[in-house]
């Protein structure tokens, strides 16, 4: 898959701690579309990873996305869009560097929304 990421000059560039948070435009071409079910911070056995620690949960969700994408024959650099639901949006925005560890400079389009309640006890959100 070929992806091109654009940050139009005439759009506001959202950044925290010096990290741009998402790409405004992603153009994907070639190969098939791959859809991944919502991922939680669960390990292979289904245990919550990082209960009460949003940074650890973001890392685990990133790892789960990587595994799912690799199963489809693509990688995180090919990820076009994420939608993230969190219970504490302020806590989420304390960890932009973790998303950059996961995605590098290949930031996907991203929408983050506050959710009233976690999916299950111990979760801050899902992607």
Foldseek 3Di string as FASTA:
>chain_A
DDKDFDADPVDDQDDDPRHGQATPDMDDDDDDDDDDPKDWLADPVGDHFQQVHVLRGVLSLLVVVQVSQVVVVHGLLRDAEDEKEFQDVVNVSVHSVSVCVSNPVSGHHYHYYYDNDEPDHRTGIID
